[in-house]
Structures are given as C-alpha cells and as structure tokens.
C-alpha cells in the first residue's frame, strides 16, 4: 500500500496490482470479494456498489483517462461509535477499484479509526494472490 495526499487535502491509501498478481479477473470480481468481506464483518454494513465508470461516461460533458476500462466503488460503514457529531461527515467509507488493461488500482481514504483502517488495508491486500 502506498500513502499519498491527493489535491493537497485527501489522505489516500492505494495499491497497484497487476492482473497477473491478482486473484480476480475483473473489477466486478474484486467488488464481489470486498462485498463478501464487508457482509461477513461483525460491525461493517454493506450499503451499495456505485458504478462510477457508467455514471461518468453517461454525462454529456465528461473527462476520463482513456486507459480506464472500469471503475466501481463498494460503499459501506463501520460506524459503531459516534463520539462527536462531526465524525459522521467521514462516513460511510468506500473502496474504489479502477481497472486498466493490465492492472487494478485500488484505493480508499484514510479512516479515522485505526481498526477500520487496518481492516480495509487487509481486505485490499487480499486481492493479491498469496505468495508461496
């Protein structure tokens, strides 16, 4: 995983996984895997899957990197605590899966809760084939 800040504001974790390294063949298979992880988690709640690729392509005026084949986000929430009202503004969470011809870029915004952050990191790393 690589930590980065996008547009000087958004702290993001991202990983680039080649299709040869991946356990899955396409975006939807990765989304299905993540959805299963969310649904089997004792706290997380699956909310939806957003097809960002279709949404963007259908806009009359859009811009998208021509190398992108597909983009979907799985949306979910870990929210078992609301210690301050403002914490709700960083929920729900999402993990984005962007597919190119030869690889996937999977990313998410840093979570304020270290356990949620570590769980999302583990799920994303689980997209890679296990090394022998």
C-alpha atoms as a PDB file:
ATOM      1  CA  UNK A   1       0.000   0.000   0.000  1.00  0.00           C
ATOM      2  CA  UNK A   2       1.144   3.498  -0.723  1.00  0.00           C
ATOM      3  CA  UNK A   3       0.095   6.529   1.309  1.00  0.00           C
ATOM      4  CA  UNK A   4      -0.468   9.738  -0.612  1.00  0.00           C
ATOM      5  CA  UNK A   5      -2.286  13.022  -0.429  1.00  0.00           C
ATOM      6  CA  UNK A   6      -4.456  13.944  -3.407  1.00  0.00           C
ATOM      7  CA  UNK A   7      -5.034  17.629  -4.222  1.00  0.00           C
ATOM      8  CA  UNK A   8      -3.128  18.584  -1.049  1.00  0.00           C
ATOM      9  CA  UNK A   9      -6.161  17.555   1.014  1.00  0.00           C
ATOM     10  CA  UNK A  10      -7.252  13.915   0.780  1.00  0.00           C
ATOM     11  CA  UNK A  11      -5.145  11.273   2.574  1.00  0.00           C
ATOM     12  CA  UNK A  12      -5.436   8.121   0.486  1.00  0.00           C
ATOM     13  CA  UNK A  13      -4.114   4.566   0.601  1.00  0.00           C
ATOM     14  CA  UNK A  14      -3.599   2.998  -2.822  1.00  0.00           C
ATOM     15  CA  UNK A  15      -2.181  -0.154  -4.300  1.00  0.00           C
ATOM     16  CA  UNK A  16      -1.461  -1.093  -7.885  1.00  0.00           C
ATOM     17  CA  UNK A  17      -1.918  -4.807  -8.575  1.00  0.00           C
ATOM     18  CA  UNK A  18      -1.106  -6.277 -11.969  1.00  0.00           C
ATOM     19  CA  UNK A  19      -3.644  -8.690 -13.368  1.00  0.00           C
ATOM     20  CA  UNK A  20      -1.018 -11.442 -13.118  1.00  0.00           C
ATOM     21  CA  UNK A  21      -0.729 -10.740  -9.369  1.00  0.00           C
ATOM     22  CA  UNK A  22      -4.485 -10.537  -8.766  1.00  0.00           C
ATOM     23  CA  UNK A  23      -6.746 -13.332  -7.546  1.00  0.00           C
ATOM     24  CA  UNK A  24      -9.545 -11.865  -9.654  1.00  0.00           C
ATOM     25  CA  UNK A  25     -10.003 -11.257 -13.388  1.00  0.00           C
ATOM     26  CA  UNK A  26     -12.014  -8.031 -13.386  1.00  0.00           C
ATOM     27  CA  UNK A  27     -13.457  -5.176 -11.357  1.00  0.00           C
ATOM     28  CA  UNK A  28     -16.745  -6.917 -10.576  1.00  0.00           C
ATOM     29  CA  UNK A  29     -14.990  -9.971  -9.131  1.00  0.00           C
ATOM     30  CA  UNK A  30     -12.991  -7.697  -6.810  1.00  0.00           C
ATOM     31  CA  UNK A  31     -16.145  -5.816  -5.796  1.00  0.00           C
ATOM     32  CA  UNK A  32     -17.879  -9.155  -5.067  1.00  0.00           C
ATOM     33  CA  UNK A  33     -14.923 -10.206  -2.890  1.00  0.00           C
ATOM     34  CA  UNK A  34     -14.998  -6.891  -0.989  1.00  0.00           C
ATOM     35  CA  UNK A  35     -18.765  -7.105  -0.568  1.00  0.00           C
ATOM     36  CA  UNK A  36     -18.364 -10.594   0.941  1.00  0.00           C
ATOM     37  CA  UNK A  37     -15.706  -9.275   3.345  1.00  0.00           C
ATOM     38  CA  UNK A  38     -17.989  -6.424   4.404  1.00  0.00           C
ATOM     39  CA  UNK A  39     -21.046  -8.645   4.878  1.00  0.00           C
ATOM     40  CA  UNK A  40     -19.090 -11.146   6.982  1.00  0.00           C
ATOM     41  CA  UNK A  41     -17.537  -8.455   9.203  1.00  0.00           C
ATOM     42  CA  UNK A  42     -19.133  -8.206  12.677  1.00  0.00           C
ATOM     43  CA  UNK A  43     -19.514  -4.401  12.524  1.00  0.00           C
ATOM     44  CA  UNK A  44     -19.380  -3.302   8.877  1.00  0.00           C
ATOM     45  CA  UNK A  45     -22.600  -2.795   6.919  1.00  0.00           C
ATOM     46  CA  UNK A  46     -22.750  -3.038   3.134  1.00  0.00           C
ATOM     47  CA  UNK A  47     -24.614  -0.090   1.605  1.00  0.00           C
ATOM     48  CA  UNK A  48     -24.198  -0.151  -2.176  1.00  0.00           C
ATOM     49  CA  UNK A  49     -21.959  -0.516  -5.173  1.00  0.00           C
ATOM     50  CA  UNK A  50     -21.553   2.583  -7.295  1.00  0.00           C
ATOM     51  CA  UNK A  51     -20.690   2.199 -10.993  1.00  0.00           C
ATOM     52  CA  UNK A  52     -18.564   5.318 -11.376  1.00  0.00           C
ATOM     53  CA  UNK A  53     -17.466   4.399 -14.899  1.00  0.00           C
ATOM     54  CA  UNK A  54     -21.010   4.303 -16.311  1.00  0.00           C
ATOM     55  CA  UNK A  55     -22.035   7.395 -14.363  1.00  0.00           C
ATOM     56  CA  UNK A  56     -19.130   9.430 -15.741  1.00  0.00           C
ATOM     57  CA  UNK A  57     -19.358   8.088 -19.306  1.00  0.00           C
ATOM     58  CA  UNK A  58     -23.073   8.961 -19.472  1.00  0.00           C
ATOM     59  CA  UNK A  59     -22.549  12.609 -18.615  1.00  0.00           C
ATOM     60  CA  UNK A  60     -22.773  14.856 -21.708  1.00  0.00           C
ATOM     61  CA  UNK A  61     -19.530  16.572 -20.751  1.00  0.00           C
ATOM     62  CA  UNK A  62     -17.093  14.229 -19.068  1.00  0.00           C
ATOM     63  CA  UNK A  63     -13.383  13.607 -18.801  1.00  0.00           C
ATOM     64  CA  UNK A  64     -11.888  10.212 -18.091  1.00  0.00           C
ATOM     65  CA  UNK A  65      -8.459   8.719 -18.614  1.00  0.00           C
ATOM     66  CA  UNK A  66      -8.771   6.653 -21.800  1.00  0.00           C
ATOM     67  CA  UNK A  67      -6.795   3.816 -20.185  1.00  0.00           C
ATOM     68  CA  UNK A  68      -9.604   3.171 -17.691  1.00  0.00           C
ATOM     69  CA  UNK A  69     -11.738   0.119 -18.501  1.00  0.00           C
ATOM     70  CA  UNK A  70     -13.982   0.119 -15.424  1.00  0.00           C
ATOM     71  CA  UNK A  71     -14.454   1.924 -12.090  1.00  0.00           C
ATOM     72  CA  UNK A  72     -16.654   0.763  -9.236  1.00  0.00           C
ATOM     73  CA  UNK A  73     -16.803   1.668  -5.576  1.00  0.00           C
ATOM     74  CA  UNK A  74     -18.134  -0.503  -2.788  1.00  0.00           C
ATOM     75  CA  UNK A  75     -19.801   1.682  -0.132  1.00  0.00           C
ATOM     76  CA  UNK A  76     -20.115   0.552   3.495  1.00  0.00           C
ATOM     77  CA  UNK A  77     -19.947   1.757   7.085  1.00  0.00           C
ATOM     78  CA  UNK A  78     -18.028   0.678  10.184  1.00  0.00           C
ATOM     79  CA  UNK A  79     -19.775   3.257  12.386  1.00  0.00           C
ATOM     80  CA  UNK A  80     -20.222   1.624  15.781  1.00  0.00           C
ATOM     81  CA  UNK A  81     -19.300   4.818  17.629  1.00  0.00           C
ATOM     82  CA  UNK A  82     -20.269   8.472  17.250  1.00  0.00           C
ATOM     83  CA  UNK A  83     -18.014  10.196  19.803  1.00  0.00           C
ATOM     84  CA  UNK A  84     -18.544  13.609  18.201  1.00  0.00           C
ATOM     85  CA  UNK A  85     -21.200  14.715  15.697  1.00  0.00           C
ATOM     86  CA  UNK A  86     -18.636  15.717  13.064  1.00  0.00           C
ATOM     87  CA  UNK A  87     -17.274  12.168  12.735  1.00  0.00           C
ATOM     88  CA  UNK A  88     -20.396  11.330  10.737  1.00  0.00           C
ATOM     89  CA  UNK A  89     -19.012  13.510   7.923  1.00  0.00           C
ATOM     90  CA  UNK A  90     -16.296  10.935   7.162  1.00  0.00           C
ATOM     91  CA  UNK A  91     -18.801   8.106   6.857  1.00  0.00           C
ATOM     92  CA  UNK A  92     -19.730   5.980   5.081  1.00  0.00           C
ATOM     93  CA  UNK A  93     -16.472   4.541   3.725  1.00  0.00           C
ATOM     94  CA  UNK A  94     -15.763   3.344   0.205  1.00  0.00           C
ATOM     95  CA  UNK A  95     -13.103   1.368  -1.609  1.00  0.00           C
ATOM     96  CA  UNK A  96     -12.533   2.225  -5.266  1.00  0.00           C
ATOM     97  CA  UNK A  97     -11.480  -0.334  -7.858  1.00  0.00           C
ATOM     98  CA  UNK A  98     -10.151   1.048 -11.140  1.00  0.00           C
ATOM     99  CA  UNK A  99      -9.367  -1.395 -13.917  1.00  0.00           C
ATOM    100  CA  UNK A 100      -6.852  -0.831 -16.702  1.00  0.00           C
ATOM    101  CA  UNK A 101      -5.822  -3.273 -19.421  1.00  0.00           C
ATOM    102  CA  UNK A 102      -3.027  -4.805 -17.340  1.00  0.00           C
ATOM    103  CA  UNK A 103      -3.713  -3.820 -13.732  1.00  0.00           C
ATOM    104  CA  UNK A 104      -6.041  -2.625 -10.997  1.00  0.00           C
ATOM    105  CA  UNK A 105      -5.650   0.462  -8.835  1.00  0.00           C
ATOM    106  CA  UNK A 106      -7.487   0.014  -5.545  1.00  0.00           C
ATOM    107  CA  UNK A 107      -7.756   2.904  -3.111  1.00  0.00           C
ATOM    108  CA  UNK A 108      -9.581   4.363  -0.135  1.00  0.00           C
ATOM    109  CA  UNK A 109      -9.495   7.477   2.037  1.00  0.00           C
ATOM    110  CA  UNK A 110      -7.681   7.055   5.328  1.00  0.00           C
ATOM    111  CA  UNK A 111     -10.088   6.110   8.089  1.00  0.00           C
ATOM    112  CA  UNK A 112     -10.008   7.996  11.401  1.00  0.00           C
ATOM    113  CA  UNK A 113     -10.438   4.683  13.256  1.00  0.00           C
ATOM    114  CA  UNK A 114      -7.185   2.644  13.192  1.00  0.00           C
ATOM    115  CA  UNK A 115      -9.044  -0.692  13.359  1.00  0.00           C
ATOM    116  CA  UNK A 116     -11.240   0.207  10.374  1.00  0.00           C
ATOM    117  CA  UNK A 117      -8.166   1.451   8.522  1.00  0.00           C
ATOM    118  CA  UNK A 118      -6.265  -1.785   9.183  1.00  0.00           C
ATOM    119  CA  UNK A 119      -9.277  -3.882   8.155  1.00  0.00           C
ATOM    120  CA  UNK A 120      -9.649  -2.052   4.832  1.00  0.00           C
ATOM    121  CA  UNK A 121      -5.913  -2.382   4.211  1.00  0.00           C
ATOM    122  CA  UNK A 122      -6.106  -6.150   4.803  1.00  0.00           C
ATOM    123  CA  UNK A 123      -9.126  -6.508   2.502  1.00  0.00           C
ATOM    124  CA  UNK A 124      -7.390  -4.615  -0.292  1.00  0.00           C
ATOM    125  CA  UNK A 125      -4.145  -6.557   0.107  1.00  0.00           C
ATOM    126  CA  UNK A 126      -6.259  -9.734  -0.093  1.00  0.00           C
ATOM    127  CA  UNK A 127      -6.890  -9.015  -3.770  1.00  0.00           C
ATOM    128  CA  UNK A 128      -3.339 -10.199  -4.466  1.00  0.00           C
ATOM    129  CA  UNK A 129      -2.624 -13.868  -4.939  1.00  0.00           C
ATOM    130  CA  UNK A 130      -0.940 -15.436  -1.941  1.00  0.00           C
ATOM    131  CA  UNK A 131       2.753 -15.922  -2.428  1.00  0.00           C
ATOM    132  CA  UNK A 132       4.099 -19.427  -1.907  1.00  0.00           C
END
